[in-house]
Amino acid sequence: MNKPDTSRIDRLKTFLEEDPTESFTRYALAMEYAKVARYTEALEEFKTLSKNDPAYVATYFQMGKVYEQQDQADAAEHAYRKGMEAALEAGDKKTRDELLEALSLLKGR
């Protein structure tokens, strides 16, 4: 089996060391962790991002999906609901609707 390419992760971590407040970089790092099934690290980055930049609404959908991957339905629901609140505050109806759909699918299991 091929070893996952961690060069993107390493580059993103370097970027975060230079500017730990950069939301897009933290989001990208979390996504890379999720991509290679490093779910604990992905969740740590998503949690940090939601704490530091709660208006970064894309975080909540992806965080919820990672929780679902880990069979943590309650945590996924919490992420989706928190994201819906953040999306409403940001006036982002599209993201709110996507989060509502994710929540509906989760509840319909």
PDB file of N, CA and C in Angstrom:
ATOM      1  N   MET A   1       0.843  -1.181   0.000  1.00  0.00           N
ATOM      2  CA  MET A   1       0.000   0.000   0.000  1.00  0.00           C
ATOM      3  C   MET A   1       0.887   1.242   0.000  1.00  0.00           C
ATOM      4  N   ASN A   2       0.506   2.220  -0.773  1.00  0.00           N
ATOM      5  CA  ASN A   2       1.281   3.456  -0.856  1.00  0.00           C
ATOM      6  C   ASN A   2       1.087   4.305   0.385  1.00  0.00           C
ATOM      7  N   LYS A   3       2.160   4.907   0.812  1.00  0.00           N
ATOM      8  CA  LYS A   3       2.093   5.827   1.943  1.00  0.00           C
ATOM      9  C   LYS A   3       1.444   7.133   1.480  1.00  0.00           C
ATOM     10  N   PRO A   4       0.538   7.707   2.272  1.00  0.00           N
ATOM     11  CA  PRO A   4      -0.095   8.972   1.876  1.00  0.00           C
ATOM     12  C   PRO A   4       0.944  10.082   1.724  1.00  0.00           C
ATOM     13  N   ASP A   5       0.705  10.935   0.757  1.00  0.00           N
ATOM     14  CA  ASP A   5       1.574  12.085   0.529  1.00  0.00           C
ATOM     15  C   ASP A   5       1.284  13.130   1.603  1.00  0.00           C
ATOM     16  N   THR A   6       2.237  13.350   2.475  1.00  0.00           N
ATOM     17  CA  THR A   6       2.043  14.318   3.555  1.00  0.00           C
ATOM     18  C   THR A   6       2.683  15.666   3.247  1.00  0.00           C
ATOM     19  N   SER A   7       3.195  15.831   2.029  1.00  0.00           N
ATOM     20  CA  SER A   7       3.864  17.091   1.712  1.00  0.00           C
ATOM     21  C   SER A   7       2.910  18.284   1.802  1.00  0.00           C
ATOM     22  N   ARG A   8       1.664  18.107   1.389  1.00  0.00           N
ATOM     23  CA  ARG A   8       0.686  19.202   1.502  1.00  0.00           C
ATOM     24  C   ARG A   8       0.436  19.537   2.965  1.00  0.00           C
ATOM     25  N   ILE A   9       0.303  18.511   3.785  1.00  0.00           N
ATOM     26  CA  ILE A   9       0.104  18.729   5.217  1.00  0.00           C
ATOM     27  C   ILE A   9       1.290  19.485   5.795  1.00  0.00           C
ATOM     28  N   ASP A  10       2.485  19.049   5.446  1.00  0.00           N
ATOM     29  CA  ASP A  10       3.690  19.713   5.960  1.00  0.00           C
ATOM     30  C   ASP A  10       3.752  21.176   5.526  1.00  0.00           C
ATOM     31  N   ARG A  11       3.412  21.448   4.270  1.00  0.00           N
ATOM     32  CA  ARG A  11       3.425  22.846   3.779  1.00  0.00           C
ATOM     33  C   ARG A  11       2.394  23.688   4.519  1.00  0.00           C
ATOM     34  N   LEU A  12       1.202  23.143   4.696  1.00  0.00           N
ATOM     35  CA  LEU A  12       0.152  23.887   5.393  1.00  0.00           C
ATOM     36  C   LEU A  12       0.525  24.152   6.845  1.00  0.00           C
ATOM     37  N   LYS A  13       1.146  23.187   7.494  1.00  0.00           N
ATOM     38  CA  LYS A  13       1.591  23.389   8.873  1.00  0.00           C
ATOM     39  C   LYS A  13       2.634  24.499   8.946  1.00  0.00           C
ATOM     40  N   THR A  14       3.513  24.553   7.953  1.00  0.00           N
ATOM     41  CA  THR A  14       4.513  25.621   7.895  1.00  0.00           C
ATOM     42  C   THR A  14       3.835  26.975   7.726  1.00  0.00           C
ATOM     43  N   PHE A  15       2.838  27.040   6.850  1.00  0.00           N
ATOM     44  CA  PHE A  15       2.102  28.292   6.658  1.00  0.00           C
ATOM     45  C   PHE A  15       1.428  28.730   7.954  1.00  0.00           C
ATOM     46  N   LEU A  16       0.869  27.763   8.698  1.00  0.00           N
ATOM     47  CA  LEU A  16       0.202  28.095   9.954  1.00  0.00           C
ATOM     48  C   LEU A  16       1.192  28.560  11.014  1.00  0.00           C
ATOM     49  N   GLU A  17       2.383  28.018  10.987  1.00  0.00           N
ATOM     50  CA  GLU A  17       3.408  28.495  11.922  1.00  0.00           C
ATOM     51  C   GLU A  17       3.718  29.965  11.659  1.00  0.00           C
ATOM     52  N   GLU A  18       3.703  30.353  10.372  1.00  0.00           N
ATOM     53  CA  GLU A  18       3.967  31.736   9.998  1.00  0.00           C
ATOM     54  C   GLU A  18       2.809  32.646  10.372  1.00  0.00           C
ATOM     55  N   ASP A  19       1.565  32.148  10.233  1.00  0.00           N
ATOM     56  CA  ASP A  19       0.378  32.937  10.569  1.00  0.00           C
ATOM     57  C   ASP A  19      -0.712  32.020  11.110  1.00  0.00           C
ATOM     58  N   PRO A  20      -0.703  31.776  12.415  1.00  0.00           N
ATOM     59  CA  PRO A  20      -1.676  30.849  13.003  1.00  0.00           C
ATOM     60  C   PRO A  20      -3.119  31.342  12.969  1.00  0.00           C
ATOM     61  N   THR A  21      -3.341  32.594  12.593  1.00  0.00           N
ATOM     62  CA  THR A  21      -4.706  33.121  12.535  1.00  0.00           C
ATOM     63  C   THR A  21      -5.324  32.995  11.145  1.00  0.00           C
ATOM     64  N   GLU A  22      -4.606  32.454  10.190  1.00  0.00           N
ATOM     65  CA  GLU A  22      -5.106  32.355   8.813  1.00  0.00           C
ATOM     66  C   GLU A  22      -6.144  31.228   8.710  1.00  0.00           C
ATOM     67  N   SER A  23      -7.391  31.615   8.607  1.00  0.00           N
ATOM     68  CA  SER A  23      -8.496  30.657   8.631  1.00  0.00           C
ATOM     69  C   SER A  23      -8.472  29.692   7.453  1.00  0.00           C
ATOM     70  N   PHE A  24      -8.222  30.205   6.252  1.00  0.00           N
ATOM     71  CA  PHE A  24      -8.247  29.317   5.088  1.00  0.00           C
ATOM     72  C   PHE A  24      -7.174  28.238   5.203  1.00  0.00           C
ATOM     73  N   THR A  25      -5.997  28.606   5.687  1.00  0.00           N
ATOM     74  CA  THR A  25      -4.916  27.628   5.825  1.00  0.00           C
ATOM     75  C   THR A  25      -5.298  26.553   6.846  1.00  0.00           C
ATOM     76  N   ARG A  26      -5.883  26.957   7.957  1.00  0.00           N
ATOM     77  CA  ARG A  26      -6.298  25.983   8.973  1.00  0.00           C
ATOM     78  C   ARG A  26      -7.391  25.068   8.414  1.00  0.00           C
ATOM     79  N   TYR A  27      -8.323  25.637   7.671  1.00  0.00           N
ATOM     80  CA  TYR A  27      -9.384  24.849   7.042  1.00  0.00           C
ATOM     81  C   TYR A  27      -8.777  23.844   6.058  1.00  0.00           C
ATOM     82  N   ALA A  28      -7.851  24.305   5.240  1.00  0.00           N
ATOM     83  CA  ALA A  28      -7.209  23.427   4.262  1.00  0.00           C
ATOM     84  C   ALA A  28      -6.447  22.304   4.958  1.00  0.00           C
ATOM     85  N   LEU A  29      -5.776  22.610   6.055  1.00  0.00           N
ATOM     86  CA  LEU A  29      -5.056  21.591   6.810  1.00  0.00           C
ATOM     87  C   LEU A  29      -6.029  20.549   7.364  1.00  0.00           C
ATOM     88  N   ALA A  30      -7.127  21.001   7.926  1.00  0.00           N
ATOM     89  CA  ALA A  30      -8.130  20.072   8.447  1.00  0.00           C
ATOM     90  C   ALA A  30      -8.658  19.171   7.334  1.00  0.00           C
ATOM     91  N   MET A  31      -8.896  19.739   6.177  1.00  0.00           N
ATOM     92  CA  MET A  31      -9.396  18.961   5.044  1.00  0.00           C
ATOM     93  C   MET A  31      -8.369  17.921   4.592  1.00  0.00           C
ATOM     94  N   GLU A  32      -7.105  18.294   4.598  1.00  0.00           N
ATOM     95  CA  GLU A  32      -6.052  17.346   4.222  1.00  0.00           C
ATOM     96  C   GLU A  32      -5.972  16.204   5.230  1.00  0.00           C
ATOM     97  N   TYR A  33      -6.065  16.525   6.507  1.00  0.00           N
ATOM     98  CA  TYR A  33      -6.084  15.468   7.524  1.00  0.00           C
ATOM     99  C   TYR A  33      -7.269  14.527   7.294  1.00  0.00           C
ATOM    100  N   ALA A  34      -8.431  15.079   7.033  1.00  0.00           N
ATOM    101  CA  ALA A  34      -9.613  14.252   6.805  1.00  0.00           C
ATOM    102  C   ALA A  34      -9.431  13.372   5.571  1.00  0.00           C
ATOM    103  N   LYS A  35      -8.818  13.930   4.560  1.00  0.00           N
ATOM    104  CA  LYS A  35      -8.599  13.215   3.300  1.00  0.00           C
ATOM    105  C   LYS A  35      -7.772  11.938   3.506  1.00  0.00           C
ATOM    106  N   VAL A  36      -6.826  11.985   4.440  1.00  0.00           N
ATOM    107  CA  VAL A  36      -5.968  10.815   4.694  1.00  0.00           C
ATOM    108  C   VAL A  36      -6.397  10.084   5.967  1.00  0.00           C
ATOM    109  N   ALA A  37      -7.646  10.291   6.384  1.00  0.00           N
ATOM    110  CA  ALA A  37      -8.258   9.595   7.519  1.00  0.00           C
ATOM    111  C   ALA A  37      -7.534   9.845   8.842  1.00  0.00           C
ATOM    112  N   ARG A  38      -6.965  11.025   8.993  1.00  0.00           N
ATOM    113  CA  ARG A  38      -6.391  11.429  10.277  1.00  0.00           C
ATOM    114  C   ARG A  38      -7.449  12.299  10.965  1.00  0.00           C
ATOM    115  N   TYR A  39      -8.529  11.639  11.369  1.00  0.00           N
ATOM    116  CA  TYR A  39      -9.723  12.320  11.824  1.00  0.00           C
ATOM    117  C   TYR A  39      -9.526  13.100  13.122  1.00  0.00           C
ATOM    118  N   THR A  40      -8.760  12.579  14.040  1.00  0.00           N
ATOM    119  CA  THR A  40      -8.535  13.287  15.300  1.00  0.00           C
ATOM    120  C   THR A  40      -7.865  14.628  15.035  1.00  0.00           C
ATOM    121  N   GLU A  41      -6.865  14.619  14.180  1.00  0.00           N
ATOM    122  CA  GLU A  41      -6.171  15.870  13.846  1.00  0.00           C
ATOM    123  C   GLU A  41      -7.071  16.811  13.060  1.00  0.00           C
ATOM    124  N   ALA A  42      -7.881  16.253  12.173  1.00  0.00           N
ATOM    125  CA  ALA A  42      -8.820  17.083  11.413  1.00  0.00           C
ATOM    126  C   ALA A  42      -9.778  17.781  12.367  1.00  0.00           C
ATOM    127  N   LEU A  43     -10.321  17.038  13.311  1.00  0.00           N
ATOM    128  CA  LEU A  43     -11.260  17.623  14.264  1.00  0.00           C
ATOM    129  C   LEU A  43     -10.603  18.677  15.138  1.00  0.00           C
ATOM    130  N   GLU A  44      -9.371  18.455  15.530  1.00  0.00           N
ATOM    131  CA  GLU A  44      -8.653  19.465  16.315  1.00  0.00           C
ATOM    132  C   GLU A  44      -8.554  20.777  15.540  1.00  0.00           C
ATOM    133  N   GLU A  45      -8.220  20.685  14.259  1.00  0.00           N
ATOM    134  CA  GLU A  45      -8.101  21.897  13.440  1.00  0.00           C
ATOM    135  C   GLU A  45      -9.463  22.557  13.231  1.00  0.00           C
ATOM    136  N   PHE A  46     -10.498  21.762  12.962  1.00  0.00           N
ATOM    137  CA  PHE A  46     -11.834  22.338  12.795  1.00  0.00           C
ATOM    138  C   PHE A  46     -12.298  23.023  14.083  1.00  0.00           C
ATOM    139  N   LYS A  47     -12.040  22.391  15.234  1.00  0.00           N
ATOM    140  CA  LYS A  47     -12.435  22.992  16.508  1.00  0.00           C
ATOM    141  C   LYS A  47     -11.706  24.306  16.751  1.00  0.00           C
ATOM    142  N   THR A  48     -10.421  24.321  16.480  1.00  0.00           N
ATOM    143  CA  THR A  48      -9.643  25.551  16.634  1.00  0.00           C
ATOM    144  C   THR A  48     -10.182  26.633  15.717  1.00  0.00           C
ATOM    145  N   LEU A  49     -10.476  26.263  14.492  1.00  0.00           N
ATOM    146  CA  LEU A  49     -11.000  27.228  13.531  1.00  0.00           C
ATOM    147  C   LEU A  49     -12.356  27.768  13.972  1.00  0.00           C
ATOM    148  N   SER A  50     -13.234  26.889  14.440  1.00  0.00           N
ATOM    149  CA  SER A  50     -14.560  27.365  14.859  1.00  0.00           C
ATOM    150  C   SER A  50     -14.463  28.266  16.085  1.00  0.00           C
ATOM    151  N   LYS A  51     -13.459  28.038  16.915  1.00  0.00           N
ATOM    152  CA  LYS A  51     -13.257  28.890  18.091  1.00  0.00           C
ATOM    153  C   LYS A  51     -12.669  30.243  17.682  1.00  0.00           C
ATOM    154  N   ASN A  52     -11.653  30.208  16.818  1.00  0.00           N
ATOM    155  CA  ASN A  52     -10.946  31.435  16.426  1.00  0.00           C
ATOM    156  C   ASN A  52     -11.697  32.272  15.405  1.00  0.00           C
ATOM    157  N   ASP A  53     -12.476  31.618  14.553  1.00  0.00           N
ATOM    158  CA  ASP A  53     -13.191  32.321  13.487  1.00  0.00           C
ATOM    159  C   ASP A  53     -14.562  31.679  13.299  1.00  0.00           C
ATOM    160  N   PRO A  54     -15.481  31.912  14.246  1.00  0.00           N
ATOM    161  CA  PRO A  54     -16.784  31.250  14.181  1.00  0.00           C
ATOM    162  C   PRO A  54     -17.601  31.605  12.938  1.00  0.00           C
ATOM    163  N   ALA A  55     -17.250  32.664  12.255  1.00  0.00           N
ATOM    164  CA  ALA A  55     -17.978  33.056  11.045  1.00  0.00           C
ATOM    165  C   ALA A  55     -17.502  32.297   9.802  1.00  0.00           C
ATOM    166  N   TYR A  56     -16.467  31.486   9.928  1.00  0.00           N
ATOM    167  CA  TYR A  56     -15.974  30.686   8.798  1.00  0.00           C
ATOM    168  C   TYR A  56     -16.886  29.466   8.668  1.00  0.00           C
ATOM    169  N   VAL A  57     -18.017  29.677   7.999  1.00  0.00           N
ATOM    170  CA  VAL A  57     -19.123  28.728   8.062  1.00  0.00           C
ATOM    171  C   VAL A  57     -18.862  27.389   7.380  1.00  0.00           C
ATOM    172  N   ALA A  58     -17.938  27.324   6.449  1.00  0.00           N
ATOM    173  CA  ALA A  58     -17.641  26.047   5.792  1.00  0.00           C
ATOM    174  C   ALA A  58     -17.120  25.021   6.788  1.00  0.00           C
ATOM    175  N   THR A  59     -16.557  25.495   7.868  1.00  0.00           N
ATOM    176  CA  THR A  59     -15.992  24.630   8.905  1.00  0.00           C
ATOM    177  C   THR A  59     -17.010  23.628   9.428  1.00  0.00           C
ATOM    178  N   TYR A  60     -18.205  24.073   9.692  1.00  0.00           N
ATOM    179  CA  TYR A  60     -19.180  23.271  10.414  1.00  0.00           C
ATOM    180  C   TYR A  60     -19.686  22.078   9.605  1.00  0.00           C
ATOM    181  N   PHE A  61     -19.879  22.270   8.314  1.00  0.00           N
ATOM    182  CA  PHE A  61     -20.311  21.166   7.461  1.00  0.00           C
ATOM    183  C   PHE A  61     -19.247  20.076   7.452  1.00  0.00           C
ATOM    184  N   GLN A  62     -18.006  20.488   7.211  1.00  0.00           N
ATOM    185  CA  GLN A  62     -16.924  19.507   7.134  1.00  0.00           C
ATOM    186  C   GLN A  62     -16.659  18.853   8.489  1.00  0.00           C
ATOM    187  N   MET A  63     -16.736  19.631   9.553  1.00  0.00           N
ATOM    188  CA  MET A  63     -16.565  19.078  10.888  1.00  0.00           C
ATOM    189  C   MET A  63     -17.638  18.014  11.150  1.00  0.00           C
ATOM    190  N   GLY A  64     -18.863  18.331  10.798  1.00  0.00           N
ATOM    191  CA  GLY A  64     -19.948  17.374  10.972  1.00  0.00           C
ATOM    192  C   GLY A  64     -19.714  16.091  10.195  1.00  0.00           C
ATOM    193  N   LYS A  65     -19.219  16.215   8.977  1.00  0.00           N
ATOM    194  CA  LYS A  65     -18.940  15.035   8.156  1.00  0.00           C
ATOM    195  C   LYS A  65     -17.856  14.170   8.792  1.00  0.00           C
ATOM    196  N   VAL A  66     -16.832  14.795   9.358  1.00  0.00           N
ATOM    197  CA  VAL A  66     -15.785  14.015  10.026  1.00  0.00           C
ATOM    198  C   VAL A  66     -16.359  13.311  11.251  1.00  0.00           C
ATOM    199  N   TYR A  67     -17.185  14.009  12.005  1.00  0.00           N
ATOM    200  CA  TYR A  67     -17.835  13.351  13.144  1.00  0.00           C
ATOM    201  C   TYR A  67     -18.671  12.156  12.667  1.00  0.00           C
ATOM    202  N   GLU A  68     -19.364  12.318  11.564  1.00  0.00           N
ATOM    203  CA  GLU A  68     -20.145  11.202  11.030  1.00  0.00           C
ATOM    204  C   GLU A  68     -19.237  10.028  10.679  1.00  0.00           C
ATOM    205  N   GLN A  69     -18.075  10.319  10.094  1.00  0.00           N
ATOM    206  CA  GLN A  69     -17.107   9.259   9.769  1.00  0.00           C
ATOM    207  C   GLN A  69     -16.695   8.485  11.015  1.00  0.00           C
ATOM    208  N   GLN A  70     -16.717   9.166  12.142  1.00  0.00           N
ATOM    209  CA  GLN A  70     -16.314   8.562  13.412  1.00  0.00           C
ATOM    210  C   GLN A  70     -17.506   8.008  14.201  1.00  0.00           C
ATOM    211  N   ASP A  71     -18.673   7.942  13.552  1.00  0.00           N
ATOM    212  CA  ASP A  71     -19.902   7.448  14.196  1.00  0.00           C
ATOM    213  C   ASP A  71     -20.244   8.234  15.457  1.00  0.00           C
ATOM    214  N   GLN A  72     -20.059   9.545  15.392  1.00  0.00           N
ATOM    215  CA  GLN A  72     -20.387  10.435  16.500  1.00  0.00           C
ATOM    216  C   GLN A  72     -21.539  11.349  16.064  1.00  0.00           C
ATOM    217  N   ALA A  73     -22.716  10.763  15.971  1.00  0.00           N
ATOM    218  CA  ALA A  73     -23.886  11.473  15.452  1.00  0.00           C
ATOM    219  C   ALA A  73     -24.240  12.700  16.288  1.00  0.00           C
ATOM    220  N   ASP A  74     -24.145  12.605  17.599  1.00  0.00           N
ATOM    221  CA  ASP A  74     -24.499  13.751  18.443  1.00  0.00           C
ATOM    222  C   ASP A  74     -23.556  14.926  18.196  1.00  0.00           C
ATOM    223  N   ALA A  75     -22.275  14.637  18.073  1.00  0.00           N
ATOM    224  CA  ALA A  75     -21.300  15.699  17.806  1.00  0.00           C
ATOM    225  C   ALA A  75     -21.517  16.284  16.412  1.00  0.00           C
ATOM    226  N   ALA A  76     -21.857  15.429  15.446  1.00  0.00           N
ATOM    227  CA  ALA A  76     -22.138  15.914  14.094  1.00  0.00           C
ATOM    228  C   ALA A  76     -23.345  16.847  14.113  1.00  0.00           C
ATOM    229  N   GLU A  77     -24.384  16.437  14.830  1.00  0.00           N
ATOM    230  CA  GLU A  77     -25.583  17.278  14.940  1.00  0.00           C
ATOM    231  C   GLU A  77     -25.237  18.628  15.554  1.00  0.00           C
ATOM    232  N   HIS A  78     -24.443  18.617  16.593  1.00  0.00           N
ATOM    233  CA  HIS A  78     -24.038  19.861  17.239  1.00  0.00           C
ATOM    234  C   HIS A  78     -23.280  20.764  16.254  1.00  0.00           C
ATOM    235  N   ALA A  79     -22.378  20.183  15.491  1.00  0.00           N
ATOM    236  CA  ALA A  79     -21.613  20.967  14.508  1.00  0.00           C
ATOM    237  C   ALA A  79     -22.543  21.573  13.467  1.00  0.00           C
ATOM    238  N   TYR A  80     -23.480  20.775  12.965  1.00  0.00           N
ATOM    239  CA  TYR A  80     -24.413  21.295  11.958  1.00  0.00           C
ATOM    240  C   TYR A  80     -25.278  22.424  12.528  1.00  0.00           C
ATOM    241  N   ARG A  81     -25.772  22.248  13.744  1.00  0.00           N
ATOM    242  CA  ARG A  81     -26.619  23.281  14.347  1.00  0.00           C
ATOM    243  C   ARG A  81     -25.837  24.570  14.618  1.00  0.00           C
ATOM    244  N   LYS A  82     -24.631  24.410  15.116  1.00  0.00           N
ATOM    245  CA  LYS A  82     -23.783  25.579  15.356  1.00  0.00           C
ATOM    246  C   LYS A  82     -23.479  26.294  14.035  1.00  0.00           C
ATOM    247  N   GLY A  83     -23.250  25.516  13.006  1.00  0.00           N
ATOM    248  CA  GLY A  83     -22.996  26.088  11.681  1.00  0.00           C
ATOM    249  C   GLY A  83     -24.196  26.826  11.125  1.00  0.00           C
ATOM    250  N   MET A  84     -25.384  26.291  11.355  1.00  0.00           N
ATOM    251  CA  MET A  84     -26.595  26.974  10.886  1.00  0.00           C
ATOM    252  C   MET A  84     -26.736  28.330  11.561  1.00  0.00           C
ATOM    253  N   GLU A  85     -26.441  28.383  12.854  1.00  0.00           N
ATOM    254  CA  GLU A  85     -26.487  29.668  13.572  1.00  0.00           C
ATOM    255  C   GLU A  85     -25.474  30.652  12.992  1.00  0.00           C
ATOM    256  N   ALA A  86     -24.251  30.170  12.757  1.00  0.00           N
ATOM    257  CA  ALA A  86     -23.205  31.040  12.205  1.00  0.00           C
ATOM    258  C   ALA A  86     -23.570  31.509  10.802  1.00  0.00           C
ATOM    259  N   ALA A  87     -24.151  30.618  10.009  1.00  0.00           N
ATOM    260  CA  ALA A  87     -24.544  30.988   8.649  1.00  0.00           C
ATOM    261  C   ALA A  87     -25.656  32.026   8.662  1.00  0.00           C
ATOM    262  N   LEU A  88     -26.618  31.872   9.578  1.00  0.00           N
ATOM    263  CA  LEU A  88     -27.689  32.860   9.693  1.00  0.00           C
ATOM    264  C   LEU A  88     -27.130  34.227  10.080  1.00  0.00           C
ATOM    265  N   GLU A  89     -26.214  34.230  11.040  1.00  0.00           N
ATOM    266  CA  GLU A  89     -25.590  35.488  11.457  1.00  0.00           C
ATOM    267  C   GLU A  89     -24.832  36.145  10.308  1.00  0.00           C
ATOM    268  N   ALA A  90     -24.233  35.315   9.442  1.00  0.00           N
ATOM    269  CA  ALA A  90     -23.464  35.834   8.314  1.00  0.00           C
ATOM    270  C   ALA A  90     -24.348  36.159   7.115  1.00  0.00           C
ATOM    271  N   GLY A  91     -25.633  35.826   7.202  1.00  0.00           N
ATOM    272  CA  GLY A  91     -26.533  36.061   6.075  1.00  0.00           C
ATOM    273  C   GLY A  91     -26.286  35.106   4.923  1.00  0.00           C
ATOM    274  N   ASP A  92     -25.741  33.925   5.221  1.00  0.00           N
ATOM    275  CA  ASP A  92     -25.384  32.939   4.209  1.00  0.00           C
ATOM    276  C   ASP A  92     -26.459  31.854   4.162  1.00  0.00           C
ATOM    277  N   LYS A  93     -27.520  32.129   3.424  1.00  0.00           N
ATOM    278  CA  LYS A  93     -28.656  31.213   3.341  1.00  0.00           C
ATOM    279  C   LYS A  93     -28.271  29.901   2.668  1.00  0.00           C
ATOM    280  N   LYS A  94     -27.428  29.950   1.659  1.00  0.00           N
ATOM    281  CA  LYS A  94     -27.034  28.735   0.940  1.00  0.00           C
ATOM    282  C   LYS A  94     -26.340  27.746   1.883  1.00  0.00           C
ATOM    283  N   THR A  95     -25.384  28.224   2.652  1.00  0.00           N
ATOM    284  CA  THR A  95     -24.683  27.338   3.577  1.00  0.00           C
ATOM    285  C   THR A  95     -25.625  26.847   4.670  1.00  0.00           C
ATOM    286  N   ARG A  96     -26.490  27.720   5.151  1.00  0.00           N
ATOM    287  CA  ARG A  96     -27.468  27.302   6.158  1.00  0.00           C
ATOM    288  C   ARG A  96     -28.328  26.171   5.625  1.00  0.00           C
ATOM    289  N   ASP A  97     -28.784  26.295   4.369  1.00  0.00           N
ATOM    290  CA  ASP A  97     -29.608  25.250   3.763  1.00  0.00           C
ATOM    291  C   ASP A  97     -28.829  23.943   3.601  1.00  0.00           C
ATOM    292  N   GLU A  98     -27.547  24.029   3.246  1.00  0.00           N
ATOM    293  CA  GLU A  98     -26.721  22.825   3.112  1.00  0.00           C
ATOM    294  C   GLU A  98     -26.557  22.134   4.472  1.00  0.00           C
ATOM    295  N   LEU A  99     -26.364  22.930   5.507  1.00  0.00           N
ATOM    296  CA  LEU A  99     -26.234  22.372   6.851  1.00  0.00           C
ATOM    297  C   LEU A  99     -27.545  21.746   7.324  1.00  0.00           C
ATOM    298  N   LEU A 100     -28.644  22.392   6.995  1.00  0.00           N
ATOM    299  CA  LEU A 100     -29.958  21.844   7.352  1.00  0.00           C
ATOM    300  C   LEU A 100     -30.191  20.519   6.642  1.00  0.00           C
ATOM    301  N   GLU A 101     -29.795  20.441   5.387  1.00  0.00           N
ATOM    302  CA  GLU A 101     -29.938  19.183   4.648  1.00  0.00           C
ATOM    303  C   GLU A 101     -29.061  18.087   5.260  1.00  0.00           C
ATOM    304  N   ALA A 102     -27.827  18.434   5.609  1.00  0.00           N
ATOM    305  CA  ALA A 102     -26.936  17.462   6.248  1.00  0.00           C
ATOM    306  C   ALA A 102     -27.546  16.954   7.562  1.00  0.00           C
ATOM    307  N   LEU A 103     -28.110  17.878   8.327  1.00  0.00           N
ATOM    308  CA  LEU A 103     -28.754  17.505   9.594  1.00  0.00           C
ATOM    309  C   LEU A 103     -29.959  16.587   9.343  1.00  0.00           C
ATOM    310  N   SER A 104     -30.748  16.925   8.335  1.00  0.00           N
ATOM    311  CA  SER A 104     -31.911  16.095   8.004  1.00  0.00           C
ATOM    312  C   SER A 104     -31.492  14.687   7.600  1.00  0.00           C
ATOM    313  N   LEU A 105     -30.422  14.587   6.815  1.00  0.00           N
ATOM    314  CA  LEU A 105     -29.927  13.268   6.401  1.00  0.00           C
ATOM    315  C   LEU A 105     -29.404  12.486   7.606  1.00  0.00           C
ATOM    316  N   LEU A 106     -28.727  13.182   8.494  1.00  0.00           N
ATOM    317  CA  LEU A 106     -28.206  12.554   9.708  1.00  0.00           C
ATOM    318  C   LEU A 106     -29.356  12.011  10.554  1.00  0.00           C
ATOM    319  N   LYS A 107     -30.391  12.808  10.717  1.00  0.00           N
ATOM    320  CA  LYS A 107     -31.531  12.418  11.548  1.00  0.00           C
ATOM    321  C   LYS A 107     -32.355  11.302  10.883  1.00  0.00           C
ATOM    322  N   GLY A 108     -32.275  11.217   9.563  1.00  0.00           N
ATOM    323  CA  GLY A 108     -33.032  10.223   8.829  1.00  0.00           C
ATOM    324  C   GLY A 108     -32.381   8.849   8.782  1.00  0.00           C
ATOM    325  N   ARG A 109     -31.228   8.722   9.405  1.00  0.00           N
ATOM    326  CA  ARG A 109     -30.529   7.426   9.384  1.00  0.00           C
ATOM    327  C   ARG A 109     -31.334   6.358  10.060  1.00  0.00           C
TER     328      ARG A 109
END
